[in-house]
Amino acid sequence: MENRLYVGNLAYSTRDESLQRHFSEFGHVNSAKVMIDRDSDRSKGFGFVEMGSAEEAQAAINGLNGQSIDGRAVTVNVARPMAPRTGGGGGDRRGSGGGYRGGY
């Protein structure tokens, strides 16, 4: 089991310190990070916590999944690796038109 956890359904007001405090009841917290929206400076509603060991991570899942943090019942489970992003970006634009073609 991994020791990096996903924490979902966070309140907009939740910050790193709050996650750190709640998860430290279950062992050593290496890091606690709430994902923040750049424009609004509010929580995006999820974050990640890295516990000191897999056993501490499992204890945190058992103890906090479905429990209230800052007034919201949170979801806590093992974080999955981020899926590779697809699409977007350049591509060949030949024949996409535009401009003038000389002539009379």
Protein backbone atom coordinates (compact mmCIF):
# COMPACT_ATOMS: atom_id res chain seq x y z
CA MET A 1 0.00 0.00 0.00
CA GLU A 2 1.12 3.52 -0.74
CA ASN A 3 1.43 6.30 1.82
CA ARG A 4 0.18 9.12 -0.48
CA LEU A 5 -3.52 9.83 0.03
CA TYR A 6 -6.18 11.67 -1.94
CA VAL A 7 -8.60 13.73 0.15
CA GLY A 8 -11.79 14.81 -1.61
CA ASN A 9 -14.91 16.87 -0.83
CA LEU A 10 -12.96 19.50 1.10
CA ALA A 11 -14.58 22.78 2.09
CA TYR A 12 -13.53 25.87 0.11
CA SER A 13 -12.01 27.27 3.31
CA THR A 14 -9.78 24.25 4.05
CA ARG A 15 -6.04 24.92 4.04
CA ASP A 16 -2.87 22.83 4.36
CA GLU A 17 -2.63 23.35 8.13
CA SER A 18 -6.09 21.90 8.72
CA LEU A 19 -5.22 18.71 6.79
CA GLN A 20 -1.91 18.47 8.63
CA ARG A 21 -3.67 18.73 12.00
CA HIS A 22 -6.38 16.15 11.24
CA PHE A 23 -4.08 13.57 9.67
CA SER A 24 -1.36 13.89 12.32
CA GLU A 25 -3.70 12.08 14.72
CA PHE A 26 -2.91 8.92 12.73
CA GLY A 27 0.87 9.24 12.44
CA HIS A 28 3.64 11.33 10.95
CA VAL A 29 2.54 13.60 8.08
CA ASN A 30 5.33 14.20 5.54
CA SER A 31 3.24 16.72 3.60
CA ALA A 32 -0.32 18.02 3.35
CA LYS A 33 -1.37 20.08 0.33
CA VAL A 34 -4.79 21.48 -0.55
CA MET A 35 -5.12 22.29 -4.25
CA ILE A 36 -5.96 26.00 -4.54
CA ASP A 37 -7.65 27.75 -7.47
CA ARG A 38 -5.37 30.54 -8.74
CA ASP A 39 -8.17 32.92 -9.59
CA SER A 40 -10.39 32.64 -6.51
CA ASP A 41 -7.74 31.62 -3.91
CA ARG A 42 -10.21 28.96 -2.68
CA SER A 43 -9.74 25.24 -2.31
CA LYS A 44 -10.53 23.25 -5.43
CA GLY A 45 -12.20 20.73 -3.12
CA PHE A 46 -9.39 18.19 -2.94
CA GLY A 47 -5.86 17.72 -1.71
CA PHE A 48 -3.11 15.21 -1.02
CA VAL A 49 -1.50 14.00 2.19
CA GLU A 50 1.67 11.94 2.39
CA MET A 51 1.90 9.91 5.56
CA GLY A 52 5.11 8.56 7.09
CA SER A 53 4.29 4.92 6.31
CA ALA A 54 1.74 2.72 4.58
CA GLU A 55 0.41 1.61 7.98
CA GLU A 56 -0.19 5.22 9.05
CA ALA A 57 -1.86 5.91 5.70
CA GLN A 58 -4.24 2.97 6.22
CA ALA A 59 -5.00 4.17 9.75
CA ALA A 60 -5.84 7.63 8.36
CA ILE A 61 -8.13 6.13 5.71
CA ASN A 62 -9.90 4.04 8.34
CA GLY A 63 -10.18 6.96 10.75
CA LEU A 64 -11.06 9.86 8.45
CA ASN A 65 -12.92 8.53 5.40
CA GLY A 66 -16.48 9.85 5.72
CA GLN A 67 -15.63 12.02 8.71
CA SER A 68 -16.06 15.79 8.94
CA ILE A 69 -13.18 18.16 8.25
CA ASP A 70 -14.14 21.85 8.36
CA GLY A 71 -17.82 20.92 8.14
CA ARG A 72 -17.64 18.54 5.15
CA ALA A 73 -17.62 14.73 5.12
CA VAL A 74 -14.40 13.94 3.28
CA THR A 75 -13.37 11.05 1.06
CA VAL A 76 -9.94 9.61 1.84
CA ASN A 77 -8.27 6.92 -0.26
CA VAL A 78 -4.93 5.97 -1.77
CA ALA A 79 -3.90 8.50 -4.43
CA ARG A 80 -3.66 7.12 -7.94
CA PRO A 81 -0.97 8.26 -10.36
CA MET A 82 -2.06 11.08 -12.63
CA ALA A 83 -3.23 9.82 -16.03
CA PRO A 84 -1.23 11.09 -18.99
CA ARG A 85 -2.86 14.05 -20.70
CA THR A 86 -3.95 13.69 -24.30
CA GLY A 87 -4.94 16.04 -27.07
CA GLY A 88 -4.41 19.76 -27.20
CA GLY A 89 -1.52 21.47 -28.78
CA GLY A 90 -0.28 22.24 -32.29
CA GLY A 91 -0.72 19.91 -35.16
CA ASP A 92 -0.33 20.47 -38.87
CA ARG A 93 -2.26 23.46 -40.11
CA ARG A 94 -1.44 23.23 -43.80
CA GLY A 95 -4.34 24.20 -45.96
CA SER A 96 -6.12 26.00 -43.18
CA GLY A 97 -6.45 29.08 -45.37
CA GLY A 98 -6.12 32.72 -44.62
CA GLY A 99 -4.37 35.52 -46.44
CA TYR A 100 -4.62 36.78 -50.00
CA ARG A 101 -3.59 34.89 -53.08
CA GLY A 102 -2.52 37.59 -55.49
CA GLY A 103 -4.11 37.79 -58.87
CA TYR A 104 -6.24 40.16 -60.92
